[in-house]
Amino acid sequence: MKMNYIEFPRKQSRRKNYLDNLVFTTRLRISRNIDGINFPLFLEKENKIKLEDEISKEILNVCPDVLINKIEDFSYSDLLIYLSNGVLTSEFIRNSRVFGHPVSGDWVFFLNEDDHLKVFSIEYGYNAREIYKRISNFIDKLEAKMDFAYDEVFGYLTSSILNVGTGLRISFIVNLPGLFQSEAIDSLTKSLKEISYSIKPFYEPKIPLYYIFNLFSMGISEEEILCEFESLLTKIAHLEFEAREKYIFGNKVKLAQHLKKLFELKDKNELTYPELLEYVSLVDLFNKKVFDVDDINTIRGAIFTGVDEYLTYKYNLTKEELNRARLYIIKRALSRIKYKKAFI
């Protein structure tokens, strides 16, 4: 079938936020289940299909502009593109068949993955509140038509105990080269775990890109989760920017090492994916310090558009062309940078 691809992360026109300097992307997800019906893992195939038809019908009643898709209508390459940019998950591809989205592509829903309904979006920068408003508006409309599984004590019931309560999971991809260089990541990991948050490497421990997400959503309201997470990220941002000044920009040896690596990019002929991530982190680090990048989100987005599956199936590239394509993505995004006089 002819594809009009949804692209995650989404770009939205909005005012800049302080946390945009730290956060690459915001991912927000809400999970719900229909009252009185077993979780998908315990549903027979025919009952799954029946439930999917019922939920799809109600979704179209409350949001007529929604497009509903069945996984069997997509080619293998289409699915891999959606997997690589976060629109689909490997678990969904293995176990489910129906997903959809509004024409705008601002959010996506899954039916019968691990819960009956999962709605989520990924956007550039920090935009948790606006994403929540958008998704919860859809959920509220649907809840007026369907009974979701809810307990007066525990809140909304989900297949995972970690999501019981609000069913709300928020995660951010952040760049932490300052805390990485100061060897403070282990301390941050311990501190976050004590307050029910987690931080994990985005790809591998030697690259300072990380996921930060909430571990639980029980015993706290959605508004409290949003407020607490924003406050936490603000504290992490202050720590990170202080660490950058001290351990990178305040250390001539380390600064020279980082700049040397950055400027070696011009002599490269190709980039592996781990190398791409290192350069994305470096460019983001030096943006507004050494140079100004017209659209830093294009650089940040390379962590999605630079993976093998995306390049192979979106652009029909061969295995031999992948590393050259990754280099092209970075160099093209940097082609119009403006250097700052203090570093020339």
Protein backbone atom coordinates (compact mmCIF):
# COMPACT_ATOMS: atom_id res chain seq x y z
CA MET A 1 0.00 0.00 0.00
CA LYS A 2 1.10 3.59 -0.55
CA MET A 3 2.35 5.02 2.73
CA ASN A 4 2.02 8.54 4.07
CA TYR A 5 4.36 8.05 6.98
CA ILE A 6 3.69 9.44 10.42
CA GLU A 7 6.95 10.85 11.71
CA PHE A 8 7.83 10.66 15.38
CA PRO A 9 9.12 12.73 17.06
CA ARG A 10 6.63 15.43 16.06
CA LYS A 11 7.56 19.05 15.48
CA GLN A 12 5.09 21.52 16.96
CA SER A 13 4.98 25.30 16.60
CA ARG A 14 5.20 26.69 20.13
CA ARG A 15 7.16 28.98 22.39
CA LYS A 16 10.56 27.73 23.52
CA ASN A 17 10.91 26.30 27.01
CA TYR A 18 13.98 26.35 29.29
CA LEU A 19 13.92 22.55 29.38
CA ASP A 20 14.16 22.39 25.58
CA ASN A 21 17.88 23.00 26.16
CA LEU A 22 18.14 19.66 27.97
CA VAL A 23 15.38 17.48 26.54
CA PHE A 24 15.68 15.95 23.08
CA THR A 25 12.21 14.38 23.08
CA THR A 26 9.14 13.94 25.26
CA ARG A 27 7.17 10.68 25.11
CA LEU A 28 3.85 10.45 26.95
CA ARG A 29 1.59 7.41 27.10
CA ILE A 30 -1.76 6.63 28.74
CA SER A 31 -3.02 3.06 29.14
CA ARG A 32 -6.63 1.97 29.66
CA ASN A 33 -8.61 -1.30 29.79
CA ILE A 34 -12.29 -2.03 29.29
CA ASP A 35 -14.12 -2.97 32.46
CA GLY A 36 -15.09 -6.64 32.82
CA ILE A 37 -12.89 -7.92 29.97
CA ASN A 38 -9.68 -9.93 30.39
CA PHE A 39 -6.35 -8.34 29.54
CA PRO A 40 -5.23 -9.04 25.94
CA LEU A 41 -2.82 -11.80 27.02
CA PHE A 42 -5.81 -13.84 28.22
CA LEU A 43 -8.16 -13.15 25.31
CA GLU A 44 -8.84 -15.63 22.54
CA LYS A 45 -8.19 -14.36 19.01
CA GLU A 46 -11.88 -14.07 18.09
CA ASN A 47 -12.60 -12.13 21.28
CA LYS A 48 -9.66 -9.81 20.56
CA ILE A 49 -11.03 -9.06 17.11
CA LYS A 50 -14.51 -8.44 18.50
CA LEU A 51 -13.13 -6.05 21.12
CA GLU A 52 -11.03 -4.24 18.53
CA ASP A 53 -14.10 -3.71 16.37
CA GLU A 54 -16.09 -2.36 19.33
CA ILE A 55 -13.36 0.04 20.47
CA SER A 56 -12.69 1.17 16.89
CA LYS A 57 -16.37 1.98 16.42
CA GLU A 58 -16.45 4.13 19.57
CA ILE A 59 -13.22 5.86 18.61
CA LEU A 60 -14.68 6.86 15.26
CA ASN A 61 -17.81 8.14 17.02
CA VAL A 62 -15.81 10.54 19.19
CA CYS A 63 -13.05 11.33 16.67
CA PRO A 64 -14.30 10.94 13.09
CA ASP A 65 -10.98 12.11 11.62
CA VAL A 66 -9.08 9.15 13.07
CA LEU A 67 -7.51 6.71 10.61
CA ILE A 68 -7.63 3.08 11.77
CA ASN A 69 -5.05 0.65 10.39
CA LYS A 70 -4.56 -3.09 10.48
CA ILE A 71 -1.06 -4.42 10.65
CA GLU A 72 -1.66 -6.97 7.88
CA ASP A 73 -2.16 -4.10 5.43
CA PHE A 74 1.45 -2.98 5.86
CA SER A 75 4.57 -4.37 4.27
CA TYR A 76 7.48 -5.61 6.34
CA SER A 77 9.52 -2.55 5.36
CA ASP A 78 6.71 -0.19 6.39
CA LEU A 79 6.57 -1.81 9.83
CA LEU A 80 10.33 -1.52 10.28
CA ILE A 81 10.22 2.19 9.44
CA TYR A 82 7.50 2.70 12.03
CA LEU A 83 9.44 0.60 14.51
CA SER A 84 12.63 2.62 14.04
CA ASN A 85 11.00 6.03 14.57
CA GLY A 86 8.91 4.99 17.56
CA VAL A 87 5.46 4.90 15.97
CA LEU A 88 5.19 1.14 16.58
CA THR A 89 6.82 -1.15 19.13
CA SER A 90 8.23 -4.63 18.61
CA GLU A 91 5.71 -5.98 21.14
CA PHE A 92 2.84 -4.48 19.17
CA ILE A 93 4.11 -5.94 15.89
CA ARG A 94 4.42 -9.38 17.48
CA ASN A 95 1.13 -9.51 19.36
CA SER A 96 -1.35 -6.96 17.97
CA ARG A 97 -3.00 -5.87 14.74
CA VAL A 98 -4.96 -2.59 15.04
CA PHE A 99 -3.53 0.90 15.50
CA GLY A 100 -4.61 4.35 14.45
CA HIS A 101 -4.02 8.07 14.58
CA PRO A 102 -5.71 11.36 13.74
CA VAL A 103 -5.03 12.78 10.29
CA SER A 104 -2.61 15.23 11.93
CA GLY A 105 -0.50 12.32 13.20
CA ASP A 106 -0.09 14.04 16.57
CA TRP A 107 -0.72 10.85 18.55
CA VAL A 108 -1.13 7.13 17.98
CA PHE A 109 -3.27 4.48 19.66
CA PHE A 110 -2.72 0.72 19.94
CA LEU A 111 -5.44 -1.84 20.58
CA ASN A 112 -4.70 -5.06 22.46
CA GLU A 113 -0.97 -4.76 22.93
CA ASP A 114 -0.50 -5.44 26.68
CA ASP A 115 -3.55 -3.31 27.52
CA HIS A 116 -6.80 -2.87 25.58
CA LEU A 117 -5.96 0.73 24.69
CA LYS A 118 -2.72 2.63 24.72
CA VAL A 119 -2.44 6.21 23.44
CA PHE A 120 0.89 7.99 23.10
CA SER A 121 2.90 10.66 21.31
CA ILE A 122 6.53 11.70 20.94
CA GLU A 123 7.54 15.33 20.36
CA TYR A 124 10.77 17.26 20.17
CA GLY A 125 11.86 19.15 23.26
CA TYR A 126 9.95 19.42 26.52
CA ASN A 127 6.20 19.53 25.93
CA ALA A 128 4.68 17.11 28.44
CA ARG A 129 1.69 19.24 29.45
CA GLU A 130 0.48 19.95 25.93
CA ILE A 131 0.87 16.31 24.89
CA TYR A 132 -1.08 15.25 27.97
CA LYS A 133 -3.89 17.70 27.19
CA ARG A 134 -4.13 16.42 23.64
CA ILE A 135 -4.20 12.74 24.58
CA SER A 136 -6.34 13.05 27.71
CA ASN A 137 -8.95 15.00 25.72
CA PHE A 138 -9.29 11.98 23.43
CA ILE A 139 -9.33 9.55 26.39
CA ASP A 140 -12.00 11.60 28.19
CA LYS A 141 -14.26 11.59 25.13
CA LEU A 142 -13.89 7.84 24.81
CA GLU A 143 -14.49 7.26 28.53
CA ALA A 144 -17.86 8.98 28.17
CA LYS A 145 -18.81 6.15 25.79
CA MET A 146 -17.02 3.17 27.38
CA ASP A 147 -16.43 1.94 30.93
CA PHE A 148 -12.74 1.69 31.75
CA ALA A 149 -11.51 -0.70 34.43
CA TYR A 150 -11.18 1.43 37.56
CA ASP A 151 -10.82 0.77 41.27
CA GLU A 152 -11.68 3.37 43.91
CA VAL A 153 -8.49 2.57 45.85
CA PHE A 154 -5.95 1.75 43.14
CA GLY A 155 -7.20 3.85 40.22
CA TYR A 156 -7.16 2.69 36.59
CA LEU A 157 -6.25 -0.99 36.29
CA THR A 158 -3.55 -2.09 33.85
CA SER A 159 -1.76 -5.30 32.95
CA SER A 160 1.44 -4.02 34.60
CA ILE A 161 1.46 -3.01 38.25
CA LEU A 162 3.83 -0.18 37.29
CA ASN A 163 1.07 1.55 35.34
CA VAL A 164 -1.82 1.05 37.77
CA GLY A 165 -3.22 4.34 39.05
CA THR A 166 -3.21 6.97 36.34
CA GLY A 167 -1.92 4.69 33.59
CA LEU A 168 0.42 7.57 32.74
CA ARG A 169 4.03 6.96 31.72
CA ILE A 170 6.28 9.87 30.73
CA SER A 171 9.82 9.54 29.40
CA PHE A 172 12.40 11.97 28.11
CA ILE A 173 15.58 11.59 26.10
CA VAL A 174 18.19 13.94 27.52
CA ASN A 175 21.81 14.82 26.77
CA LEU A 176 24.00 14.78 29.91
CA PRO A 177 27.65 15.21 28.83
CA GLY A 178 28.42 17.41 31.85
CA LEU A 179 27.22 14.89 34.43
CA PHE A 180 28.78 12.11 32.35
CA GLN A 181 32.20 13.80 32.35
CA SER A 182 31.95 14.51 36.08
CA GLU A 183 31.11 10.82 36.69
CA ALA A 184 27.90 11.81 38.48
CA ILE A 185 25.56 9.51 36.53
CA ASP A 186 25.72 6.69 39.09
CA SER A 187 24.84 9.11 41.89
CA LEU A 188 21.96 10.53 39.82
CA THR A 189 20.71 7.02 39.03
CA LYS A 190 20.63 6.14 42.74
CA SER A 191 18.90 9.40 43.69
CA LEU A 192 16.23 8.99 41.00
CA LYS A 193 15.50 5.40 41.99
CA GLU A 194 14.84 6.52 45.57
CA ILE A 195 12.04 8.80 44.36
CA SER A 196 10.55 6.29 41.86
CA TYR A 197 12.22 7.50 38.66
CA SER A 198 14.72 5.71 36.46
CA ILE A 199 17.52 6.74 34.12
CA LYS A 200 18.86 4.37 31.48
CA PRO A 201 21.39 4.77 28.63
CA PHE A 202 19.66 5.54 25.34
CA TYR A 203 22.03 3.21 23.49
CA GLU A 204 25.16 2.31 25.44
CA PRO A 205 26.82 3.57 28.67
CA LYS A 206 29.73 5.34 26.97
CA ILE A 207 27.41 7.78 25.15
CA PRO A 208 25.83 10.51 27.36
CA LEU A 209 22.29 10.20 25.97
CA TYR A 210 19.73 8.87 28.45
CA TYR A 211 16.09 7.98 29.00
CA ILE A 212 14.50 9.35 32.18
CA PHE A 213 11.04 8.03 33.10
CA ASN A 214 8.63 7.60 35.99
CA LEU A 215 8.46 4.10 37.49
CA PHE A 216 5.03 4.30 39.14
CA SER A 217 1.77 6.16 38.65
CA MET A 218 -0.22 5.01 41.70
CA GLY A 219 -1.20 7.25 44.62
CA ILE A 220 -0.56 10.45 42.70
CA SER A 221 -2.66 12.46 40.25
CA GLU A 222 -1.77 13.21 36.65
CA GLU A 223 -1.25 16.88 37.52
CA GLU A 224 1.09 15.93 40.36
CA ILE A 225 3.08 13.64 38.07
CA LEU A 226 3.48 16.43 35.51
CA CYS A 227 4.45 19.01 38.14
CA GLU A 228 6.90 16.75 39.96
CA PHE A 229 8.57 15.58 36.76
CA GLU A 230 8.96 19.14 35.48
CA SER A 231 10.50 20.17 38.80
CA LEU A 232 12.83 17.17 38.71
CA LEU A 233 13.97 17.91 35.15
CA THR A 234 14.60 21.54 36.06
CA LYS A 235 16.90 20.42 38.90
CA ILE A 236 18.70 17.99 36.60
CA ALA A 237 19.09 20.75 34.01
CA HIS A 238 20.73 23.05 36.58
CA LEU A 239 23.09 20.25 37.64
CA GLU A 240 23.92 19.40 34.04
CA PHE A 241 24.62 22.97 32.92
CA GLU A 242 26.77 23.63 36.01
CA ALA A 243 28.70 20.43 35.31
CA ARG A 244 29.21 21.44 31.68
CA GLU A 245 30.73 24.76 32.75
CA LYS A 246 33.01 23.09 35.28
CA TYR A 247 34.06 19.84 33.65
CA ILE A 248 34.00 20.78 29.96
CA PHE A 249 33.99 24.52 29.32
CA GLY A 250 36.02 25.18 32.47
CA ASN A 251 38.64 22.54 31.67
CA LYS A 252 40.90 23.55 28.79
CA VAL A 253 42.22 20.03 28.24
CA LYS A 254 38.80 18.40 28.05
CA LEU A 255 37.40 21.28 26.01
CA ALA A 256 40.22 20.89 23.49
CA GLN A 257 39.58 17.13 23.30
CA HIS A 258 35.88 17.65 22.63
CA LEU A 259 36.48 20.37 20.06
CA LYS A 260 39.10 18.25 18.31
CA LYS A 261 36.66 15.36 18.01
CA LEU A 262 33.94 17.69 16.78
CA PHE A 263 36.11 19.25 14.07
CA GLU A 264 37.36 15.82 12.99
CA LEU A 265 33.88 15.34 11.56
CA LYS A 266 34.88 17.23 8.42
CA ASP A 267 37.48 14.55 7.62
CA LYS A 268 35.12 11.62 8.09
CA ASN A 269 33.89 9.59 5.14
CA GLU A 270 31.27 7.62 7.06
CA LEU A 271 29.72 7.17 10.53
CA THR A 272 28.56 4.10 12.40
CA TYR A 273 25.39 4.51 14.45
CA PRO A 274 27.27 4.75 17.80
CA GLU A 275 29.56 7.38 16.25
CA LEU A 276 26.50 9.26 15.01
CA LEU A 277 25.12 9.37 18.56
CA GLU A 278 28.42 10.70 19.89
CA TYR A 279 28.41 13.51 17.34
CA VAL A 280 24.76 14.32 17.99
CA SER A 281 25.61 14.69 21.68
CA LEU A 282 28.65 16.85 20.87
CA VAL A 283 26.82 19.13 18.45
CA ASP A 284 24.04 19.58 20.99
CA LEU A 285 26.62 20.34 23.68
CA PHE A 286 28.33 23.06 21.65
CA ASN A 287 25.16 24.58 20.20
CA LYS A 288 24.82 28.18 21.46
CA LYS A 289 28.39 27.95 22.76
CA VAL A 290 30.62 27.40 19.71
CA PHE A 291 28.02 27.86 17.01
CA ASP A 292 24.31 28.32 16.39
CA VAL A 293 22.44 25.52 14.61
CA ASP A 294 19.42 26.72 12.63
CA ASP A 295 17.34 23.67 13.57
CA ILE A 296 18.85 21.67 16.41
CA ASN A 297 15.91 19.24 16.23
CA THR A 298 17.18 18.00 12.87
CA ILE A 299 20.44 17.03 14.59
CA ARG A 300 18.66 15.53 17.58
CA GLY A 301 16.28 13.63 15.32
CA ALA A 302 19.22 11.83 13.73
CA ILE A 303 19.13 9.37 16.65
CA PHE A 304 15.92 8.08 15.01
CA THR A 305 16.49 8.77 11.32
CA GLY A 306 20.05 7.44 11.45
CA VAL A 307 19.23 3.87 12.46
CA ASP A 308 19.82 1.11 9.93
CA GLU A 309 16.16 0.11 9.50
CA TYR A 310 14.94 3.65 8.89
CA LEU A 311 17.63 4.40 6.30
CA THR A 312 17.33 1.02 4.61
CA TYR A 313 13.57 0.92 4.19
CA LYS A 314 12.70 4.61 3.96
CA TYR A 315 15.36 5.43 1.37
CA ASN A 316 16.10 2.00 -0.10
CA LEU A 317 19.76 2.18 0.86
CA THR A 318 22.13 -0.75 0.70
CA LYS A 319 24.18 -1.91 3.69
CA GLU A 320 27.28 -0.28 2.17
CA GLU A 321 25.50 3.09 1.92
CA LEU A 322 24.29 3.35 5.53
CA ASN A 323 27.39 4.80 7.16
CA ARG A 324 27.78 7.40 4.40
CA ALA A 325 24.12 8.36 4.76
CA ARG A 326 24.56 8.95 8.50
CA LEU A 327 27.45 11.28 7.83
CA TYR A 328 25.39 13.14 5.23
CA ILE A 329 22.57 13.70 7.75
CA ILE A 330 24.95 15.40 10.21
CA LYS A 331 26.92 17.40 7.65
CA ARG A 332 23.81 18.65 5.91
CA ALA A 333 22.31 19.83 9.21
CA LEU A 334 25.57 21.62 10.04
CA SER A 335 26.02 23.18 6.62
CA ARG A 336 24.52 26.52 7.67
CA ILE A 337 25.89 26.87 11.19
CA LYS A 338 27.16 30.24 12.38
CA TYR A 339 30.30 30.14 14.52
CA LYS A 340 30.65 32.39 17.52
CA LYS A 341 33.63 34.79 17.51
CA ALA A 342 34.88 33.73 20.94
CA PHE A 343 35.72 30.29 19.56
CA ILE A 344 37.16 31.29 16.18
